[in-house]
Amino acid sequence: MYQKPWLSYQEQLEKLKSRGLAVTDEPKALEYLERIGYYRLSGYWHPFRERSGLFCPIGKGIRKGKKTRATSTVLDTFKPGSSFEAAVHLYVFDKKLRLLVLDALERIEVALRVDIAHTLGKYDPFAYLNPELLFEGFAKDADSTTGLPRHVDWMKKQATQIARSKEDFIKHNKNKYGHPLPIWIACEVWDFNTLSELYDGMRLDDQDAIANKYGVENGRTLASWLRSLNYLRNVCAHHSRLWNRNVIDQPKKPPEGVVPDLNSAWKPGNEHIPARPFLLLCICQKLLSAINPASSWWQRFSDLLAEFPENESLGIGWGAFGVADEWGDWECFPKSRQ
């Protein structure tokens, strides 16, 4: 049973102070608690909390000679030097980061809608509904959970998106031509998930043709990247913490030599990098460089990184962001790191 009591904003602030979180401007801190909320902000002061080192046995039980590994327990108290203001600075940086990422993802989404519609539309205006024009595993093989092909579930979701759309061009085409809508019209209401799922369900040659436009050369790699970018989009769209996020749907390693700058992300010893957001932002830039080589997105990202409130003593470092040591001299990084 949940037993934590309701606390006023002032009581919340006093609890933080009693645990060692410095507050230099109490009225401003109360304003942030009222406007942003204790729980959301707690994700940004969480790295500041002290930890106790423990040794736990690997496997079940404790046996003589059994190997152990170091673990830690997060405590309620804060590390020396922790402050409410530092957590807010990290929150503000993270908010700006999410908005910048959404800008990149919008451009990628729009471009891929065109690519998919143009590639499938040459076969048939309604190719997205025809199992014969899609990858057999997607269009015909039964899903282990539903017992139906994944294409069936996909068609239901995209049909719902079309039915809910209030766009005038959707109403016009439905009224004048009826259902179904040609792919170059239907695709305009797809979200990133719908788009990435259909790309994942395209035939390999069609996937490769699109991937080649982005310098990826391997359609299955791009399909993995799009799944990861869809996860990234959901994090940003729901205003969730991003900077040190544990990426659940990790991007697949491209074939050797396809993206040389990113090869080190998957090398032995760098296993944590695909599990952090920085690599996904590099993938965004890879795709954007094909969509619009003159884009200033990477420069704006570089400018934002100069605002990153790095503080290793409080657990705020580039490693948690997912930056490999050898990437520290990239042009996107503030000069202080070079």
C-alpha atoms as a PDB file:
ATOM      1  CA  MET A   1       0.000   0.000   0.000  1.00  0.00           C
ATOM      2  CA  TYR A   2       1.324   3.460  -0.912  1.00  0.00           C
ATOM      3  CA  GLN A   3       2.017   5.350   2.313  1.00  0.00           C
ATOM      4  CA  LYS A   4       3.925   8.511   1.364  1.00  0.00           C
ATOM      5  CA  PRO A   5       2.001  11.566   2.602  1.00  0.00           C
ATOM      6  CA  TRP A   6       0.893  14.610   0.635  1.00  0.00           C
ATOM      7  CA  LEU A   7       3.292  17.511   1.188  1.00  0.00           C
ATOM      8  CA  SER A   8       2.861  21.212   0.569  1.00  0.00           C
ATOM      9  CA  TYR A   9       5.406  22.881  -1.725  1.00  0.00           C
ATOM     10  CA  GLN A  10       7.115  24.372   1.288  1.00  0.00           C
ATOM     11  CA  GLU A  11       7.289  20.966   2.979  1.00  0.00           C
ATOM     12  CA  GLN A  12       8.733  19.456  -0.193  1.00  0.00           C
ATOM     13  CA  LEU A  13      11.444  22.095  -0.200  1.00  0.00           C
ATOM     14  CA  GLU A  14      12.215  21.570   3.476  1.00  0.00           C
ATOM     15  CA  LYS A  15      12.572  17.827   2.904  1.00  0.00           C
ATOM     16  CA  LEU A  16      15.114  18.449   0.144  1.00  0.00           C
ATOM     17  CA  LYS A  17      17.074  20.873   2.325  1.00  0.00           C
ATOM     18  CA  SER A  18      17.100  18.414   5.228  1.00  0.00           C
ATOM     19  CA  ARG A  19      18.701  15.844   2.931  1.00  0.00           C
ATOM     20  CA  GLY A  20      21.513  18.178   1.953  1.00  0.00           C
ATOM     21  CA  LEU A  21      20.262  19.858  -1.235  1.00  0.00           C
ATOM     22  CA  ALA A  22      21.351  23.503  -1.109  1.00  0.00           C
ATOM     23  CA  VAL A  23      18.729  26.125  -2.003  1.00  0.00           C
ATOM     24  CA  THR A  24      20.019  29.658  -2.554  1.00  0.00           C
ATOM     25  CA  ASP A  25      16.760  31.228  -3.746  1.00  0.00           C
ATOM     26  CA  GLU A  26      13.803  29.740  -1.886  1.00  0.00           C
ATOM     27  CA  PRO A  27      11.038  31.791  -3.578  1.00  0.00           C
ATOM     28  CA  LYS A  28      12.363  30.745  -6.989  1.00  0.00           C
ATOM     29  CA  ALA A  29      12.686  27.117  -5.893  1.00  0.00           C
ATOM     30  CA  LEU A  30       9.076  27.132  -4.690  1.00  0.00           C
ATOM     31  CA  GLU A  31       8.031  28.591  -8.025  1.00  0.00           C
ATOM     32  CA  TYR A  32       9.737  25.714  -9.879  1.00  0.00           C
ATOM     33  CA  LEU A  33       8.105  23.131  -7.602  1.00  0.00           C
ATOM     34  CA  GLU A  34       4.697  24.672  -8.301  1.00  0.00           C
ATOM     35  CA  ARG A  35       5.239  25.020 -12.044  1.00  0.00           C
ATOM     36  CA  ILE A  36       7.248  21.889 -12.903  1.00  0.00           C
ATOM     37  CA  GLY A  37       6.551  19.549  -9.993  1.00  0.00           C
ATOM     38  CA  TYR A  38       8.648  17.654  -7.467  1.00  0.00           C
ATOM     39  CA  TYR A  39       8.456  14.332  -9.272  1.00  0.00           C
ATOM     40  CA  ARG A  40       9.592  15.643 -12.669  1.00  0.00           C
ATOM     41  CA  LEU A  41      12.447  17.624 -11.139  1.00  0.00           C
ATOM     42  CA  SER A  42      13.524  14.626  -9.057  1.00  0.00           C
ATOM     43  CA  GLY A  43      14.837  12.974 -12.218  1.00  0.00           C
ATOM     44  CA  TYR A  44      17.348  15.799 -12.535  1.00  0.00           C
ATOM     45  CA  TRP A  45      18.609  15.824  -8.945  1.00  0.00           C
ATOM     46  CA  HIS A  46      18.692  12.019  -8.813  1.00  0.00           C
ATOM     47  CA  PRO A  47      22.366  11.892 -10.003  1.00  0.00           C
ATOM     48  CA  PHE A  48      23.254  14.157  -7.048  1.00  0.00           C
ATOM     49  CA  ARG A  49      22.182  11.565  -4.474  1.00  0.00           C
ATOM     50  CA  GLU A  50      24.820   9.708  -2.489  1.00  0.00           C
ATOM     51  CA  ARG A  51      25.370   6.013  -2.943  1.00  0.00           C
ATOM     52  CA  SER A  52      26.544   3.313  -0.570  1.00  0.00           C
ATOM     53  CA  GLY A  53      28.917   0.668  -1.925  1.00  0.00           C
ATOM     54  CA  LEU A  54      27.918  -2.943  -1.414  1.00  0.00           C
ATOM     55  CA  PHE A  55      29.257  -6.296  -2.523  1.00  0.00           C
ATOM     56  CA  CYS A  56      26.660  -8.734  -3.775  1.00  0.00           C
ATOM     57  CA  PRO A  57      27.195 -12.349  -4.887  1.00  0.00           C
ATOM     58  CA  ILE A  58      26.810 -13.167  -8.560  1.00  0.00           C
ATOM     59  CA  GLY A  59      24.072 -15.740  -8.905  1.00  0.00           C
ATOM     60  CA  LYS A  60      21.848 -17.225  -6.246  1.00  0.00           C
ATOM     61  CA  GLY A  61      23.029 -17.790  -2.714  1.00  0.00           C
ATOM     62  CA  ILE A  62      26.441 -17.194  -1.125  1.00  0.00           C
ATOM     63  CA  ARG A  63      28.959 -19.978  -1.589  1.00  0.00           C
ATOM     64  CA  LYS A  64      32.562 -20.312  -0.582  1.00  0.00           C
ATOM     65  CA  GLY A  65      34.790 -18.840  -3.277  1.00  0.00           C
ATOM     66  CA  LYS A  66      31.846 -17.348  -5.152  1.00  0.00           C
ATOM     67  CA  LYS A  67      32.774 -14.249  -7.173  1.00  0.00           C
ATOM     68  CA  THR A  68      31.208 -10.976  -6.164  1.00  0.00           C
ATOM     69  CA  ARG A  69      30.563  -7.694  -7.917  1.00  0.00           C
ATOM     70  CA  ALA A  70      30.303  -4.166  -6.589  1.00  0.00           C
ATOM     71  CA  THR A  71      26.852  -2.606  -6.568  1.00  0.00           C
ATOM     72  CA  SER A  72      25.467   0.466  -4.891  1.00  0.00           C
ATOM     73  CA  THR A  73      22.297   1.631  -3.243  1.00  0.00           C
ATOM     74  CA  VAL A  74      20.969   5.120  -3.881  1.00  0.00           C
ATOM     75  CA  LEU A  75      20.510   7.016  -0.618  1.00  0.00           C
ATOM     76  CA  ASP A  76      18.125   9.833   0.224  1.00  0.00           C
ATOM     77  CA  THR A  77      20.964  12.212   1.108  1.00  0.00           C
ATOM     78  CA  PHE A  78      22.734  14.408  -1.453  1.00  0.00           C
ATOM     79  CA  LYS A  79      26.415  14.697  -2.331  1.00  0.00           C
ATOM     80  CA  PRO A  80      28.291  17.763  -1.061  1.00  0.00           C
ATOM     81  CA  GLY A  81      27.883  20.649  -3.484  1.00  0.00           C
ATOM     82  CA  SER A  82      24.441  19.545  -4.679  1.00  0.00           C
ATOM     83  CA  SER A  83      21.962  22.333  -5.248  1.00  0.00           C
ATOM     84  CA  PHE A  84      18.410  22.867  -6.391  1.00  0.00           C
ATOM     85  CA  GLU A  85      19.694  25.371  -8.946  1.00  0.00           C
ATOM     86  CA  ALA A  86      22.018  22.759 -10.502  1.00  0.00           C
ATOM     87  CA  ALA A  87      19.055  20.442 -11.019  1.00  0.00           C
ATOM     88  CA  VAL A  88      17.087  23.261 -12.669  1.00  0.00           C
ATOM     89  CA  HIS A  89      20.012  24.055 -14.996  1.00  0.00           C
ATOM     90  CA  LEU A  90      20.063  20.419 -16.081  1.00  0.00           C
ATOM     91  CA  TYR A  91      16.287  20.460 -16.550  1.00  0.00           C
ATOM     92  CA  VAL A  92      16.485  23.572 -18.766  1.00  0.00           C
ATOM     93  CA  PHE A  93      19.294  22.045 -20.850  1.00  0.00           C
ATOM     94  CA  ASP A  94      17.265  18.852 -21.270  1.00  0.00           C
ATOM     95  CA  LYS A  95      14.180  20.805 -22.344  1.00  0.00           C
ATOM     96  CA  LYS A  96      16.157  22.651 -25.027  1.00  0.00           C
ATOM     97  CA  LEU A  97      17.678  19.346 -26.135  1.00  0.00           C
ATOM     98  CA  ARG A  98      14.252  17.741 -26.588  1.00  0.00           C
ATOM     99  CA  LEU A  99      12.975  20.658 -28.658  1.00  0.00           C
ATOM    100  CA  LEU A 100      16.059  20.522 -30.887  1.00  0.00           C
ATOM    101  CA  VAL A 101      15.681  16.770 -31.359  1.00  0.00           C
ATOM    102  CA  LEU A 102      12.002  17.141 -32.273  1.00  0.00           C
ATOM    103  CA  ASP A 103      13.021  19.640 -34.949  1.00  0.00           C
ATOM    104  CA  ALA A 104      15.368  17.060 -36.495  1.00  0.00           C
ATOM    105  CA  LEU A 105      12.845  14.229 -36.217  1.00  0.00           C
ATOM    106  CA  GLU A 106      10.146  16.287 -37.941  1.00  0.00           C
ATOM    107  CA  ARG A 107      12.397  16.796 -40.979  1.00  0.00           C
ATOM    108  CA  ILE A 108      13.323  13.106 -41.052  1.00  0.00           C
ATOM    109  CA  GLU A 109       9.691  12.026 -40.722  1.00  0.00           C
ATOM    110  CA  VAL A 110       8.481  14.270 -43.536  1.00  0.00           C
ATOM    111  CA  ALA A 111      11.287  13.195 -45.885  1.00  0.00           C
ATOM    112  CA  LEU A 112      10.721   9.489 -45.226  1.00  0.00           C
ATOM    113  CA  ARG A 113       6.991   9.814 -45.819  1.00  0.00           C
ATOM    114  CA  VAL A 114       7.812  11.046 -49.321  1.00  0.00           C
ATOM    115  CA  ASP A 115      10.407   8.302 -49.866  1.00  0.00           C
ATOM    116  CA  ILE A 116       8.073   5.497 -48.799  1.00  0.00           C
ATOM    117  CA  ALA A 117       5.081   6.841 -50.701  1.00  0.00           C
ATOM    118  CA  HIS A 118       7.131   7.394 -53.855  1.00  0.00           C
ATOM    119  CA  THR A 119       8.801   3.976 -53.681  1.00  0.00           C
ATOM    120  CA  LEU A 120       5.614   1.972 -53.073  1.00  0.00           C
ATOM    121  CA  GLY A 121       3.350   4.238 -55.118  1.00  0.00           C
ATOM    122  CA  LYS A 122       5.166   3.364 -58.344  1.00  0.00           C
ATOM    123  CA  TYR A 123       3.784  -0.189 -58.013  1.00  0.00           C
ATOM    124  CA  ASP A 124       0.243   0.787 -57.097  1.00  0.00           C
ATOM    125  CA  PRO A 125      -1.407   3.835 -55.476  1.00  0.00           C
ATOM    126  CA  PHE A 126      -2.700   1.423 -52.818  1.00  0.00           C
ATOM    127  CA  ALA A 127       0.468  -0.665 -52.462  1.00  0.00           C
ATOM    128  CA  TYR A 128       0.512  -0.142 -48.693  1.00  0.00           C
ATOM    129  CA  LEU A 129      -2.611  -2.338 -48.482  1.00  0.00           C
ATOM    130  CA  ASN A 130      -1.349  -5.086 -50.799  1.00  0.00           C
ATOM    131  CA  PRO A 131       0.513  -7.934 -49.024  1.00  0.00           C
ATOM    132  CA  GLU A 132       2.052  -9.030 -52.334  1.00  0.00           C
ATOM    133  CA  LEU A 133       4.015  -5.768 -52.520  1.00  0.00           C
ATOM    134  CA  LEU A 134       5.451  -6.019 -49.013  1.00  0.00           C
ATOM    135  CA  PHE A 135       7.930  -8.238 -47.183  1.00  0.00           C
ATOM    136  CA  GLU A 136       6.407 -11.673 -46.677  1.00  0.00           C
ATOM    137  CA  GLY A 137       7.353 -11.887 -43.004  1.00  0.00           C
ATOM    138  CA  PHE A 138       5.473  -8.647 -42.341  1.00  0.00           C
ATOM    139  CA  ALA A 139       2.527  -9.212 -44.657  1.00  0.00           C
ATOM    140  CA  LYS A 140       1.775 -12.921 -44.295  1.00  0.00           C
ATOM    141  CA  ASP A 141       3.507 -14.554 -41.305  1.00  0.00           C
ATOM    142  CA  ALA A 142       1.342 -14.813 -38.183  1.00  0.00           C
ATOM    143  CA  ASP A 143       2.493 -12.808 -35.169  1.00  0.00           C
ATOM    144  CA  SER A 144       3.129 -15.008 -32.124  1.00  0.00           C
ATOM    145  CA  THR A 145       1.002 -12.752 -29.897  1.00  0.00           C
ATOM    146  CA  THR A 146      -2.015 -11.925 -32.061  1.00  0.00           C
ATOM    147  CA  GLY A 147      -1.978 -14.829 -34.497  1.00  0.00           C
ATOM    148  CA  LEU A 148      -2.321 -12.315 -37.336  1.00  0.00           C
ATOM    149  CA  PRO A 149       0.251 -10.832 -39.711  1.00  0.00           C
ATOM    150  CA  ARG A 150       1.792  -7.582 -38.438  1.00  0.00           C
ATOM    151  CA  HIS A 151       0.474  -5.923 -41.586  1.00  0.00           C
ATOM    152  CA  VAL A 152      -3.101  -6.439 -40.377  1.00  0.00           C
ATOM    153  CA  ASP A 153      -2.406  -4.604 -37.135  1.00  0.00           C
ATOM    154  CA  TRP A 154      -0.587  -1.869 -39.050  1.00  0.00           C
ATOM    155  CA  MET A 155      -3.568  -1.352 -41.399  1.00  0.00           C
ATOM    156  CA  LYS A 156      -5.898  -0.977 -38.420  1.00  0.00           C
ATOM    157  CA  LYS A 157      -3.698   1.699 -36.853  1.00  0.00           C
ATOM    158  CA  GLN A 158      -3.245   3.730 -40.019  1.00  0.00           C
ATOM    159  CA  ALA A 159      -6.972   3.464 -40.798  1.00  0.00           C
ATOM    160  CA  THR A 160      -7.692   4.932 -37.350  1.00  0.00           C
ATOM    161  CA  GLN A 161      -5.308   7.800 -38.060  1.00  0.00           C
ATOM    162  CA  ILE A 162      -7.070   8.556 -41.340  1.00  0.00           C
ATOM    163  CA  ALA A 163     -10.506   8.355 -39.699  1.00  0.00           C
ATOM    164  CA  ARG A 164      -9.465  10.765 -36.921  1.00  0.00           C
ATOM    165  CA  SER A 165      -7.819  13.277 -39.231  1.00  0.00           C
ATOM    166  CA  LYS A 166      -9.452  16.701 -39.484  1.00  0.00           C
ATOM    167  CA  GLU A 167      -7.266  17.794 -42.385  1.00  0.00           C
ATOM    168  CA  ASP A 168      -9.195  19.384 -45.258  1.00  0.00           C
ATOM    169  CA  PHE A 169      -7.264  17.438 -47.900  1.00  0.00           C
ATOM    170  CA  ILE A 170      -8.264  14.163 -46.245  1.00  0.00           C
ATOM    171  CA  LYS A 171     -11.937  15.181 -46.158  1.00  0.00           C
ATOM    172  CA  HIS A 172     -11.785  16.365 -49.774  1.00  0.00           C
ATOM    173  CA  ASN A 173     -10.290  13.132 -51.081  1.00  0.00           C
ATOM    174  CA  LYS A 174     -12.627  10.925 -49.048  1.00  0.00           C
ATOM    175  CA  ASN A 175     -15.665  12.866 -50.254  1.00  0.00           C
ATOM    176  CA  LYS A 176     -14.584  12.992 -53.895  1.00  0.00           C
ATOM    177  CA  TYR A 177     -12.896   9.617 -54.375  1.00  0.00           C
ATOM    178  CA  GLY A 178     -13.898   7.568 -51.328  1.00  0.00           C
ATOM    179  CA  HIS A 179     -11.728   4.873 -49.726  1.00  0.00           C
ATOM    180  CA  PRO A 180      -8.989   3.812 -49.829  1.00  0.00           C
ATOM    181  CA  LEU A 181      -6.745   6.831 -50.189  1.00  0.00           C
ATOM    182  CA  PRO A 182      -3.646   6.635 -52.390  1.00  0.00           C
ATOM    183  CA  ILE A 183      -0.447   6.244 -50.437  1.00  0.00           C
ATOM    184  CA  TRP A 184       0.849   9.741 -51.210  1.00  0.00           C
ATOM    185  CA  ILE A 185      -2.212  11.171 -49.458  1.00  0.00           C
ATOM    186  CA  ALA A 186      -2.599   8.587 -46.665  1.00  0.00           C
ATOM    187  CA  CYS A 187       1.039   8.957 -45.616  1.00  0.00           C
ATOM    188  CA  GLU A 188       0.480  12.585 -44.608  1.00  0.00           C
ATOM    189  CA  VAL A 189      -1.379  11.518 -41.467  1.00  0.00           C
ATOM    190  CA  TRP A 190       1.006   8.755 -40.394  1.00  0.00           C
ATOM    191  CA  ASP A 191       2.972   9.290 -37.223  1.00  0.00           C
ATOM    192  CA  PHE A 192       6.613   8.250 -36.864  1.00  0.00           C
ATOM    193  CA  ASN A 193       5.674   4.838 -35.502  1.00  0.00           C
ATOM    194  CA  THR A 194       3.346   4.067 -38.413  1.00  0.00           C
ATOM    195  CA  LEU A 195       6.001   5.206 -40.858  1.00  0.00           C
ATOM    196  CA  SER A 196       8.801   3.172 -39.262  1.00  0.00           C
ATOM    197  CA  GLU A 197       6.662   0.040 -39.048  1.00  0.00           C
ATOM    198  CA  LEU A 198       5.754   0.189 -42.736  1.00  0.00           C
ATOM    199  CA  TYR A 199       9.375   0.763 -43.708  1.00  0.00           C
ATOM    200  CA  ASP A 200      10.265  -2.270 -41.594  1.00  0.00           C
ATOM    201  CA  GLY A 201       7.656  -4.225 -43.577  1.00  0.00           C
ATOM    202  CA  MET A 202       8.861  -3.241 -47.045  1.00  0.00           C
ATOM    203  CA  ARG A 203      10.674  -5.645 -49.350  1.00  0.00           C
ATOM    204  CA  LEU A 204      14.435  -5.637 -48.919  1.00  0.00           C
ATOM    205  CA  ASP A 205      15.191  -4.132 -52.336  1.00  0.00           C
ATOM    206  CA  ASP A 206      12.790  -1.260 -51.648  1.00  0.00           C
ATOM    207  CA  GLN A 207      14.305  -0.717 -48.212  1.00  0.00           C
ATOM    208  CA  ASP A 208      17.790  -0.619 -49.683  1.00  0.00           C
ATOM    209  CA  ALA A 209      16.756   1.862 -52.366  1.00  0.00           C
ATOM    210  CA  ILE A 210      15.597   4.310 -49.696  1.00  0.00           C
ATOM    211  CA  ALA A 211      18.504   3.630 -47.340  1.00  0.00           C
ATOM    212  CA  ASN A 212      20.993   4.360 -50.128  1.00  0.00           C
ATOM    213  CA  LYS A 213      19.639   7.904 -50.357  1.00  0.00           C
ATOM    214  CA  TYR A 214      20.827   8.448 -46.778  1.00  0.00           C
ATOM    215  CA  GLY A 215      24.231   6.856 -47.253  1.00  0.00           C
ATOM    216  CA  VAL A 216      23.340   3.881 -45.090  1.00  0.00           C
ATOM    217  CA  GLU A 217      23.309   1.299 -47.917  1.00  0.00           C
ATOM    218  CA  ASN A 218      21.642  -1.356 -45.765  1.00  0.00           C
ATOM    219  CA  GLY A 219      17.879  -1.240 -45.398  1.00  0.00           C
ATOM    220  CA  ARG A 220      17.743  -3.425 -42.305  1.00  0.00           C
ATOM    221  CA  THR A 221      20.145  -1.091 -40.541  1.00  0.00           C
ATOM    222  CA  LEU A 222      17.976   1.899 -41.385  1.00  0.00           C
ATOM    223  CA  ALA A 223      14.873   0.017 -40.195  1.00  0.00           C
ATOM    224  CA  SER A 224      16.578  -0.498 -36.822  1.00  0.00           C
ATOM    225  CA  TRP A 225      17.585   3.155 -36.695  1.00  0.00           C
ATOM    226  CA  LEU A 226      14.022   4.278 -37.394  1.00  0.00           C
ATOM    227  CA  ARG A 227      12.686   2.116 -34.575  1.00  0.00           C
ATOM    228  CA  SER A 228      15.194   3.753 -32.243  1.00  0.00           C
ATOM    229  CA  LEU A 229      14.318   7.227 -33.513  1.00  0.00           C
ATOM    230  CA  ASN A 230      10.645   6.465 -32.906  1.00  0.00           C
ATOM    231  CA  TYR A 231      11.553   5.659 -29.297  1.00  0.00           C
ATOM    232  CA  LEU A 232      13.493   8.929 -29.150  1.00  0.00           C
ATOM    233  CA  ARG A 233      10.522  10.830 -30.532  1.00  0.00           C
ATOM    234  CA  ASN A 234       8.198   9.363 -27.902  1.00  0.00           C
ATOM    235  CA  VAL A 235      10.571  10.410 -25.108  1.00  0.00           C
ATOM    236  CA  CYS A 236      10.690  13.970 -26.454  1.00  0.00           C
ATOM    237  CA  ALA A 237       6.991  14.233 -27.265  1.00  0.00           C
ATOM    238  CA  HIS A 238       6.065  13.202 -23.717  1.00  0.00           C
ATOM    239  CA  HIS A 239       8.509  15.721 -22.200  1.00  0.00           C
ATOM    240  CA  SER A 240      10.479  12.950 -20.502  1.00  0.00           C
ATOM    241  CA  ARG A 241      14.074  13.210 -19.342  1.00  0.00           C
ATOM    242  CA  LEU A 242      16.425  12.663 -22.276  1.00  0.00           C
ATOM    243  CA  TRP A 243      20.050  13.590 -21.571  1.00  0.00           C
ATOM    244  CA  ASN A 244      21.014  10.355 -19.740  1.00  0.00           C
ATOM    245  CA  ARG A 245      18.130   8.201 -20.933  1.00  0.00           C
ATOM    246  CA  ASN A 246      18.574   4.441 -21.101  1.00  0.00           C
ATOM    247  CA  VAL A 247      17.625   3.683 -24.718  1.00  0.00           C
ATOM    248  CA  ILE A 248      15.573   0.492 -24.694  1.00  0.00           C
ATOM    249  CA  ASP A 249      15.303   0.086 -28.485  1.00  0.00           C
ATOM    250  CA  GLN A 250      18.957   0.459 -29.438  1.00  0.00           C
ATOM    251  CA  PRO A 251      20.168   1.189 -32.985  1.00  0.00           C
ATOM    252  CA  LYS A 252      21.769  -1.605 -34.967  1.00  0.00           C
ATOM    253  CA  LYS A 253      25.412  -1.369 -35.957  1.00  0.00           C
ATOM    254  CA  PRO A 254      25.801  -0.496 -39.658  1.00  0.00           C
ATOM    255  CA  PRO A 255      27.998  -2.611 -41.935  1.00  0.00           C
ATOM    256  CA  GLU A 256      31.702  -1.872 -41.567  1.00  0.00           C
ATOM    257  CA  GLY A 257      32.751   1.322 -43.327  1.00  0.00           C
ATOM    258  CA  VAL A 258      29.239   2.651 -43.995  1.00  0.00           C
ATOM    259  CA  VAL A 259      29.367   5.307 -41.278  1.00  0.00           C
ATOM    260  CA  PRO A 260      33.047   5.545 -40.271  1.00  0.00           C
ATOM    261  CA  ASP A 261      32.523   8.321 -37.724  1.00  0.00           C
ATOM    262  CA  LEU A 262      30.198   6.079 -35.721  1.00  0.00           C
ATOM    263  CA  ASN A 263      32.095   2.786 -35.925  1.00  0.00           C
ATOM    264  CA  SER A 264      33.553   3.226 -32.444  1.00  0.00           C
ATOM    265  CA  ALA A 265      30.061   3.344 -30.919  1.00  0.00           C
ATOM    266  CA  TRP A 266      29.807  -0.440 -31.202  1.00  0.00           C
ATOM    267  CA  LYS A 267      33.388  -1.458 -30.508  1.00  0.00           C
ATOM    268  CA  PRO A 268      34.148  -3.662 -27.452  1.00  0.00           C
ATOM    269  CA  GLY A 269      34.214  -1.610 -24.283  1.00  0.00           C
ATOM    270  CA  ASN A 270      31.700   0.944 -25.576  1.00  0.00           C
ATOM    271  CA  GLU A 271      28.599  -1.148 -24.913  1.00  0.00           C
ATOM    272  CA  HIS A 272      26.961   1.694 -22.971  1.00  0.00           C
ATOM    273  CA  ILE A 273      27.065   4.101 -25.949  1.00  0.00           C
ATOM    274  CA  PRO A 274      24.196   2.568 -28.004  1.00  0.00           C
ATOM    275  CA  ALA A 275      22.176   2.654 -24.766  1.00  0.00           C
ATOM    276  CA  ARG A 276      22.472   6.448 -24.442  1.00  0.00           C
ATOM    277  CA  PRO A 277      20.925   9.263 -26.499  1.00  0.00           C
ATOM    278  CA  PHE A 278      24.010  10.912 -28.013  1.00  0.00           C
ATOM    279  CA  LEU A 279      24.392   8.197 -30.671  1.00  0.00           C
ATOM    280  CA  LEU A 280      20.776   8.705 -31.751  1.00  0.00           C
ATOM    281  CA  LEU A 281      21.468  12.413 -32.200  1.00  0.00           C
ATOM    282  CA  CYS A 282      24.453  11.523 -34.387  1.00  0.00           C
ATOM    283  CA  ILE A 283      22.146   9.286 -36.430  1.00  0.00           C
ATOM    284  CA  CYS A 284      19.738  12.215 -36.788  1.00  0.00           C
ATOM    285  CA  GLN A 285      22.587  14.290 -38.188  1.00  0.00           C
ATOM    286  CA  LYS A 286      23.556  11.472 -40.577  1.00  0.00           C
ATOM    287  CA  LEU A 287      20.043  11.443 -42.023  1.00  0.00           C
ATOM    288  CA  LEU A 288      19.702  15.241 -42.010  1.00  0.00           C
ATOM    289  CA  SER A 289      22.940  15.624 -43.945  1.00  0.00           C
ATOM    290  CA  ALA A 290      21.284  13.719 -46.802  1.00  0.00           C
ATOM    291  CA  ILE A 291      17.951  15.546 -46.497  1.00  0.00           C
ATOM    292  CA  ASN A 292      19.506  19.006 -46.406  1.00  0.00           C
ATOM    293  CA  PRO A 293      23.314  19.239 -46.525  1.00  0.00           C
ATOM    294  CA  ALA A 294      23.088  22.968 -45.726  1.00  0.00           C
ATOM    295  CA  SER A 295      21.122  22.403 -42.512  1.00  0.00           C
ATOM    296  CA  SER A 296      22.344  24.315 -39.459  1.00  0.00           C
ATOM    297  CA  TRP A 297      20.994  21.680 -37.058  1.00  0.00           C
ATOM    298  CA  TRP A 298      24.396  20.289 -36.094  1.00  0.00           C
ATOM    299  CA  GLN A 299      25.719  23.793 -35.420  1.00  0.00           C
ATOM    300  CA  ARG A 300      22.705  24.543 -33.219  1.00  0.00           C
ATOM    301  CA  PHE A 301      23.333  21.273 -31.419  1.00  0.00           C
ATOM    302  CA  SER A 302      26.965  22.300 -30.933  1.00  0.00           C
ATOM    303  CA  ASP A 303      25.856  25.627 -29.489  1.00  0.00           C
ATOM    304  CA  LEU A 304      23.526  23.835 -27.075  1.00  0.00           C
ATOM    305  CA  LEU A 305      26.273  21.497 -25.883  1.00  0.00           C
ATOM    306  CA  ALA A 306      28.173  24.561 -24.693  1.00  0.00           C
ATOM    307  CA  GLU A 307      25.341  24.961 -22.150  1.00  0.00           C
ATOM    308  CA  PHE A 308      25.659  21.418 -20.812  1.00  0.00           C
ATOM    309  CA  PRO A 309      26.131  21.809 -17.022  1.00  0.00           C
ATOM    310  CA  GLU A 310      28.962  19.284 -16.788  1.00  0.00           C
ATOM    311  CA  ASN A 311      29.860  18.439 -13.186  1.00  0.00           C
ATOM    312  CA  GLU A 312      31.491  15.052 -12.738  1.00  0.00           C
ATOM    313  CA  SER A 313      31.513  15.331  -8.935  1.00  0.00           C
ATOM    314  CA  LEU A 314      27.703  15.431  -9.051  1.00  0.00           C
ATOM    315  CA  GLY A 315      27.407  12.697 -11.678  1.00  0.00           C
ATOM    316  CA  ILE A 316      26.704  15.062 -14.578  1.00  0.00           C
ATOM    317  CA  GLY A 317      29.160  14.014 -17.270  1.00  0.00           C
ATOM    318  CA  TRP A 318      29.476  13.299 -20.958  1.00  0.00           C
ATOM    319  CA  GLY A 319      29.646   9.574 -20.321  1.00  0.00           C
ATOM    320  CA  ALA A 320      26.056   9.509 -19.030  1.00  0.00           C
ATOM    321  CA  PHE A 321      25.063  11.376 -22.201  1.00  0.00           C
ATOM    322  CA  GLY A 322      26.660   8.557 -24.207  1.00  0.00           C
ATOM    323  CA  VAL A 323      29.770  10.238 -25.561  1.00  0.00           C
ATOM    324  CA  ALA A 324      32.797   8.055 -26.322  1.00  0.00           C
ATOM    325  CA  ASP A 325      36.167   9.454 -25.260  1.00  0.00           C
ATOM    326  CA  GLU A 326      37.376   9.509 -28.856  1.00  0.00           C
ATOM    327  CA  TRP A 327      34.420  11.681 -29.875  1.00  0.00           C
ATOM    328  CA  GLY A 328      35.479  14.513 -27.564  1.00  0.00           C
ATOM    329  CA  ASP A 329      37.334  16.355 -30.309  1.00  0.00           C
ATOM    330  CA  TRP A 330      34.411  16.446 -32.705  1.00  0.00           C
ATOM    331  CA  GLU A 331      33.546  19.917 -33.932  1.00  0.00           C
ATOM    332  CA  CYS A 332      30.187  19.802 -32.162  1.00  0.00           C
ATOM    333  CA  PHE A 333      31.819  19.935 -28.736  1.00  0.00           C
ATOM    334  CA  PRO A 334      32.555  23.128 -26.836  1.00  0.00           C
ATOM    335  CA  LYS A 335      36.123  24.330 -27.202  1.00  0.00           C
ATOM    336  CA  SER A 336      36.688  23.737 -23.484  1.00  0.00           C
ATOM    337  CA  ARG A 337      36.664  19.976 -24.175  1.00  0.00           C
ATOM    338  CA  GLN A 338      39.161  20.124 -27.029  1.00  0.00           C
END
